[in-house]
Amino acid sequence: MQLLKLNMLPHELVVFSDEAIQTHLRKAVKRAVGLSKVRELKHVASLSIGIRQGSDMAKLELSTLLDKYELFQQRLEDLDSKMDKLLVQIPGVEQMLVI
């Protein structure tokens, strides 16, 4: 059984079972996704009119963008952590944050 990947193109979803897609979505999103929505997603994906020539390059671009996004997310988390460490050094900051 193949695993769903983040850089999949719409026409590639149709080979997966409804349950496999639902399981993947449950891990990826906070809201519950029913089988009817999964079936609707597969139906719409099967009708996708996207150009399939060059799909390898499109997937590579998508993968690159996702990597950049993850890097930005990590940098943002690092920045948040550093800000939290600096905040506790400011006298009276706990009282200000309560307000």
Protein backbone atom coordinates (compact mmCIF):
# COMPACT_ATOMS: atom_id res chain seq x y z
CA MET A 1 0.00 0.00 0.00
CA GLN A 2 1.31 3.43 -0.95
CA LEU A 3 1.50 6.23 1.58
CA LEU A 4 -0.11 9.57 0.95
CA LYS A 5 2.41 12.36 0.52
CA LEU A 6 2.02 16.09 0.93
CA ASN A 7 3.24 16.78 -2.57
CA MET A 8 0.67 14.63 -4.34
CA LEU A 9 -1.23 16.02 -7.28
CA PRO A 10 -5.03 15.71 -7.40
CA HIS A 11 -5.19 12.96 -10.05
CA GLU A 12 -2.94 10.76 -7.87
CA LEU A 13 -5.47 10.57 -5.01
CA VAL A 14 -7.85 8.26 -6.85
CA VAL A 15 -5.62 5.20 -6.36
CA PHE A 16 -5.99 5.33 -2.56
CA SER A 17 -8.81 3.79 -0.60
CA ASP A 18 -11.32 6.08 1.07
CA GLU A 19 -10.20 4.79 4.45
CA ALA A 20 -6.51 5.48 3.76
CA ILE A 21 -7.28 9.07 2.80
CA GLN A 22 -9.54 9.50 5.82
CA THR A 23 -6.82 8.15 8.15
CA HIS A 24 -4.27 10.54 6.65
CA LEU A 25 -6.62 13.51 6.96
CA ARG A 26 -7.36 12.71 10.60
CA LYS A 27 -3.65 13.07 11.32
CA ALA A 28 -3.28 16.25 9.27
CA VAL A 29 -6.35 18.30 10.22
CA LYS A 30 -7.99 19.11 13.52
CA ARG A 31 -11.56 18.67 12.25
CA ALA A 32 -13.20 15.32 11.68
CA VAL A 33 -13.53 14.33 8.03
CA GLY A 34 -16.21 11.84 7.10
CA LEU A 35 -16.11 9.28 4.32
CA SER A 36 -18.63 11.29 2.29
CA LYS A 37 -16.17 14.21 2.17
CA VAL A 38 -13.35 11.84 1.24
CA ARG A 39 -15.43 10.41 -1.60
CA GLU A 40 -16.28 13.93 -2.76
CA LEU A 41 -12.58 14.84 -2.68
CA LYS A 42 -11.68 11.77 -4.76
CA HIS A 43 -14.45 12.53 -7.24
CA VAL A 44 -13.33 16.12 -7.70
CA ALA A 45 -9.69 15.00 -7.93
CA SER A 46 -10.60 12.54 -10.66
CA LEU A 47 -12.12 15.40 -12.66
CA SER A 48 -9.08 17.60 -12.21
CA ILE A 49 -8.11 19.27 -15.45
CA GLY A 50 -4.58 20.10 -14.38
CA ILE A 51 -1.81 19.55 -16.87
CA ARG A 52 -0.19 16.20 -16.20
CA GLN A 53 2.84 16.74 -18.38
CA GLY A 54 5.65 17.99 -16.20
CA SER A 55 3.98 16.70 -13.06
CA ASP A 56 7.36 15.55 -11.75
CA MET A 57 8.60 19.14 -11.84
CA ALA A 58 5.37 20.38 -10.27
CA LYS A 59 5.81 17.88 -7.45
CA LEU A 60 9.42 18.94 -7.00
CA GLU A 61 8.34 22.58 -6.79
CA LEU A 62 5.60 21.71 -4.32
CA SER A 63 8.06 19.71 -2.23
CA THR A 64 10.49 22.64 -2.25
CA LEU A 65 7.78 25.05 -1.14
CA LEU A 66 6.71 22.70 1.65
CA ASP A 67 10.33 22.43 2.81
CA LYS A 68 10.58 26.22 2.87
CA TYR A 69 7.33 26.44 4.83
CA GLU A 70 8.59 23.95 7.40
CA LEU A 71 11.86 25.91 7.70
CA PHE A 72 9.94 29.15 8.27
CA GLN A 73 7.74 27.42 10.85
CA GLN A 74 10.82 26.13 12.69
CA ARG A 75 12.48 29.54 12.60
CA LEU A 76 9.28 31.12 13.94
CA GLU A 77 9.16 28.60 16.79
CA ASP A 78 12.83 29.31 17.57
CA LEU A 79 12.13 33.04 17.59
CA ASP A 80 9.14 32.55 19.90
CA SER A 81 11.27 30.50 22.26
CA LYS A 82 13.99 33.16 22.34
CA MET A 83 11.41 35.88 22.95
CA ASP A 84 9.95 33.89 25.86
CA LYS A 85 13.42 33.55 27.39
CA LEU A 86 14.05 37.28 27.02
CA LEU A 87 10.64 38.21 28.41
CA VAL A 88 11.26 36.53 31.76
CA GLN A 89 14.33 38.73 32.21
CA ILE A 90 12.24 41.91 32.21
CA PRO A 91 11.27 43.00 35.74
CA GLY A 92 7.50 43.02 36.27
CA VAL A 93 6.71 41.24 33.01
CA GLU A 94 4.53 38.62 34.73
CA GLN A 95 2.29 41.33 36.16
CA MET A 96 2.10 43.06 32.75
CA LEU A 97 1.14 39.81 31.04
CA VAL A 98 -1.65 39.22 33.56
CA ILE A 99 -3.22 42.51 32.49
